[in-house]
């Protein structure tokens, strides 16, 4: 009996197996979509809970192979919900009165600013894409799925995956060119702020 059939049958050992093998991939994928480590951790738990709940929907044909695309498809939907919940929370917090005695953490974070700026630039580049384009980038480039696997994960035709990925790469390339252009202030130029473009182009060719 193949692993997908065991998952469909609700075999606990099969779920332990897919968790051990794919939890890291689910976490990385959720982080690429949310940009938040804590949210990605929540998404891992929710993804495997949803996988258990939706186990009867997994396709069991032998040619489907690894359940990874199925899991990442669930993780994609979970990440959408986590992002929406986070936005609602941030909005609620922003409306609360701020404490006048907030500590100054500038010294503690000074040494990490550059890494954070580069990370923020990468996430901003991905965030500039439409949601469906960002999800295809995360699946095909970040998670390394092929077109057919990404199509299974998203429940769309392979041709749709190809077109979304092509559009996303073109948009990121254009953004990279803009980021390399000099700033209006004399003598100042933007740094190399295009890690997301490299991320999108290294494997997606």
Protein backbone atom coordinates (compact mmCIF):
# COMPACT_ATOMS: atom_id res chain seq x y z
CA UNK A 1 0.00 0.00 0.00
CA UNK A 2 1.47 3.35 -1.01
CA UNK A 3 1.93 6.21 1.40
CA UNK A 4 -0.90 8.27 -0.05
CA UNK A 5 -3.32 5.37 0.48
CA UNK A 6 -2.14 4.99 4.06
CA UNK A 7 -2.74 8.71 4.61
CA UNK A 8 -6.24 8.42 3.16
CA UNK A 9 -6.89 5.46 5.45
CA UNK A 10 -5.87 7.53 8.49
CA UNK A 11 -2.82 5.48 9.39
CA UNK A 12 -1.16 7.31 12.34
CA UNK A 13 2.24 5.92 11.39
CA UNK A 14 1.86 7.44 7.92
CA UNK A 15 1.19 10.86 9.43
CA UNK A 16 4.23 10.57 11.71
CA UNK A 17 6.24 9.67 8.63
CA UNK A 18 5.09 12.65 6.56
CA UNK A 19 5.54 15.00 9.50
CA UNK A 20 9.12 13.87 10.08
CA UNK A 21 9.92 14.12 6.36
CA UNK A 22 8.04 17.25 5.34
CA UNK A 23 7.56 19.50 8.38
CA UNK A 24 10.66 21.54 7.52
CA UNK A 25 9.49 22.04 3.93
CA UNK A 26 6.07 23.12 5.17
CA UNK A 27 7.68 25.56 7.62
CA UNK A 28 9.93 27.08 4.97
CA UNK A 29 7.05 27.42 2.53
CA UNK A 30 4.82 29.05 5.15
CA UNK A 31 7.58 31.49 6.05
CA UNK A 32 8.03 32.52 2.42
CA UNK A 33 4.32 33.31 2.25
CA UNK A 34 3.94 35.03 5.63
CA UNK A 35 7.39 36.55 6.21
CA UNK A 36 7.02 35.77 9.90
CA UNK A 37 8.77 32.98 11.82
CA UNK A 38 6.09 32.68 14.48
CA UNK A 39 3.29 32.62 11.91
CA UNK A 40 5.16 29.94 9.98
CA UNK A 41 5.38 27.80 13.12
CA UNK A 42 1.64 28.16 13.64
CA UNK A 43 1.08 27.26 10.00
CA UNK A 44 2.99 23.99 10.40
CA UNK A 45 0.72 22.81 13.19
CA UNK A 46 -2.40 23.93 11.36
CA UNK A 47 -1.26 22.33 8.11
CA UNK A 48 -0.91 18.89 9.62
CA UNK A 49 -4.18 19.23 11.50
CA UNK A 50 -5.85 20.15 8.20
CA UNK A 51 -4.07 17.27 6.46
CA UNK A 52 -5.61 14.87 8.95
CA UNK A 53 -9.05 16.45 8.50
CA UNK A 54 -8.78 16.42 4.70
CA UNK A 55 -7.04 13.04 4.40
CA UNK A 56 -9.92 11.52 2.41
CA UNK A 57 -9.30 14.03 -0.40
CA UNK A 58 -5.74 13.02 -1.20
CA UNK A 59 -5.31 11.37 -4.58
CA UNK A 60 -3.83 7.90 -4.23
CA UNK A 61 -2.71 7.10 -7.79
CA UNK A 62 0.81 5.67 -7.84
CA UNK A 63 2.05 8.30 -10.30
CA UNK A 64 1.28 11.04 -7.77
CA UNK A 65 4.26 9.90 -5.70
CA UNK A 66 5.25 11.98 -2.67
CA UNK A 67 2.48 13.68 -0.66
CA UNK A 68 4.63 16.83 -0.48
CA UNK A 69 2.67 18.79 -3.14
CA UNK A 70 -0.58 17.94 -1.37
CA UNK A 71 0.83 19.13 1.96
CA UNK A 72 2.19 22.34 0.47
CA UNK A 73 -1.17 23.02 -1.12
CA UNK A 74 -2.78 22.78 2.31
CA UNK A 75 0.00 24.96 3.76
CA UNK A 76 -0.69 27.59 1.10
CA UNK A 77 -4.32 27.88 2.18
CA UNK A 78 -3.35 27.89 5.86
CA UNK A 79 -0.81 30.67 5.27
CA UNK A 80 -3.51 32.80 3.65
CA UNK A 81 -5.65 32.46 6.77
CA UNK A 82 -2.71 33.09 9.10
CA UNK A 83 -1.83 36.28 7.19
CA UNK A 84 -5.41 37.52 7.39
CA UNK A 85 -5.53 36.83 11.13
CA UNK A 86 -2.19 38.61 11.63
CA UNK A 87 -3.43 41.67 9.75
CA UNK A 88 -6.55 41.81 11.92
CA UNK A 89 -4.42 41.50 15.05
CA UNK A 90 -1.99 44.21 13.93
CA UNK A 91 -4.89 46.50 13.14
CA UNK A 92 -6.38 45.94 16.58
CA UNK A 93 -3.04 46.55 18.31
CA UNK A 94 -2.45 49.74 16.32
CA UNK A 95 -5.65 51.17 17.76
CA UNK A 96 -4.59 50.57 21.38
CA UNK A 97 -2.97 53.38 23.37
CA UNK A 98 0.82 53.14 23.49
CA UNK A 99 2.79 53.10 26.71
CA UNK A 100 4.86 56.22 27.38
CA UNK A 101 7.58 54.17 29.07
CA UNK A 102 8.52 51.83 26.23
CA UNK A 103 12.18 50.68 26.49
CA UNK A 104 14.69 51.65 23.85
CA UNK A 105 16.04 48.51 22.15
CA UNK A 106 18.20 50.29 19.59
CA UNK A 107 21.50 49.01 20.93
CA UNK A 108 20.28 45.42 21.02
CA UNK A 109 19.29 45.35 17.37
CA UNK A 110 21.95 47.58 15.82
CA UNK A 111 24.15 44.67 14.77
CA UNK A 112 21.31 42.97 12.90
CA UNK A 113 19.97 45.89 10.90
CA UNK A 114 21.71 45.04 7.65
CA UNK A 115 20.44 41.45 7.60
CA UNK A 116 16.96 42.64 8.45
CA UNK A 117 17.04 45.24 5.70
CA UNK A 118 18.04 42.64 3.13
CA UNK A 119 15.38 40.25 4.39
CA UNK A 120 12.79 43.02 4.35
CA UNK A 121 13.77 43.90 0.79
CA UNK A 122 13.34 40.28 -0.30
CA UNK A 123 9.95 39.99 1.36
CA UNK A 124 8.85 43.36 -0.02
CA UNK A 125 9.72 42.23 -3.52
CA UNK A 126 7.65 39.07 -3.10
CA UNK A 127 4.84 41.02 -1.45
CA UNK A 128 4.65 43.25 -4.52
CA UNK A 129 3.38 40.27 -6.51
CA UNK A 130 -0.22 39.16 -6.69
CA UNK A 131 -1.05 36.46 -4.17
CA UNK A 132 -1.36 33.71 -6.78
CA UNK A 133 1.99 34.70 -8.32
CA UNK A 134 3.68 34.76 -4.92
CA UNK A 135 2.32 31.31 -4.15
CA UNK A 136 3.65 29.88 -7.41
CA UNK A 137 7.08 31.40 -6.76
CA UNK A 138 7.09 29.91 -3.25
CA UNK A 139 6.12 26.47 -4.55
CA UNK A 140 8.23 26.23 -7.72
CA UNK A 141 11.30 28.16 -6.63
CA UNK A 142 11.30 28.05 -2.85
CA UNK A 143 9.97 24.52 -2.38
CA UNK A 144 11.38 23.17 -5.63
CA UNK A 145 8.17 21.65 -6.97
CA UNK A 146 7.89 21.06 -10.70
CA UNK A 147 4.99 22.50 -12.69
CA UNK A 148 2.82 19.41 -12.30
CA UNK A 149 3.38 19.23 -8.53
CA UNK A 150 2.65 22.93 -8.10
CA UNK A 151 -0.51 22.49 -10.16
CA UNK A 152 -1.59 19.68 -7.84
CA UNK A 153 -0.83 21.80 -4.76
CA UNK A 154 -2.87 24.74 -6.03
CA UNK A 155 -5.59 22.80 -7.80
CA UNK A 156 -5.00 24.58 -11.11
CA UNK A 157 -3.86 23.47 -14.61
CA UNK A 158 -0.15 23.18 -15.36
CA UNK A 159 -0.46 25.95 -17.94
CA UNK A 160 -1.75 28.30 -15.25
CA UNK A 161 1.30 27.57 -13.11
CA UNK A 162 3.60 28.32 -16.05
CA UNK A 163 1.93 31.62 -16.88
CA UNK A 164 1.82 32.80 -13.26
CA UNK A 165 5.47 31.93 -12.76
CA UNK A 166 6.45 33.72 -15.95
CA UNK A 167 4.56 36.87 -14.92
CA UNK A 168 6.07 36.78 -11.43
CA UNK A 169 9.63 36.46 -12.73
CA UNK A 170 9.14 39.37 -15.15
CA UNK A 171 7.77 41.58 -12.37
CA UNK A 172 10.66 40.71 -10.04
CA UNK A 173 13.18 41.38 -12.79
CA UNK A 174 11.67 44.82 -13.41
CA UNK A 175 11.72 45.56 -9.69
CA UNK A 176 15.38 44.54 -9.54
CA UNK A 177 16.23 47.01 -12.27
CA UNK A 178 14.42 49.80 -10.44
CA UNK A 179 16.21 48.95 -7.20
CA UNK A 180 19.59 49.25 -8.93
CA UNK A 181 18.86 52.76 -10.20
CA UNK A 182 20.48 55.69 -8.33
CA UNK A 183 18.51 57.56 -5.74
CA UNK A 184 17.67 61.21 -6.47
CA UNK A 185 20.22 62.42 -3.90
CA UNK A 186 23.59 63.04 -5.53
CA UNK A 187 26.19 60.38 -4.97
CA UNK A 188 23.81 57.91 -3.40
CA UNK A 189 22.76 54.65 -4.98
CA UNK A 190 20.65 51.81 -3.73
CA UNK A 191 22.55 48.81 -2.50
CA UNK A 192 22.13 45.32 -3.84
CA UNK A 193 18.55 44.87 -2.68
CA UNK A 194 17.40 42.12 -4.99
CA UNK A 195 17.75 38.81 -3.08
CA UNK A 196 14.14 37.95 -3.91
CA UNK A 197 14.90 38.20 -7.61
CA UNK A 198 17.86 35.89 -7.33
CA UNK A 199 15.66 33.60 -5.23
CA UNK A 200 13.12 33.59 -8.06
CA UNK A 201 15.56 33.08 -10.91
CA UNK A 202 18.08 30.56 -9.64
CA UNK A 203 15.82 27.51 -9.96
CA UNK A 204 12.87 28.62 -12.03
CA UNK A 205 14.53 28.44 -15.41
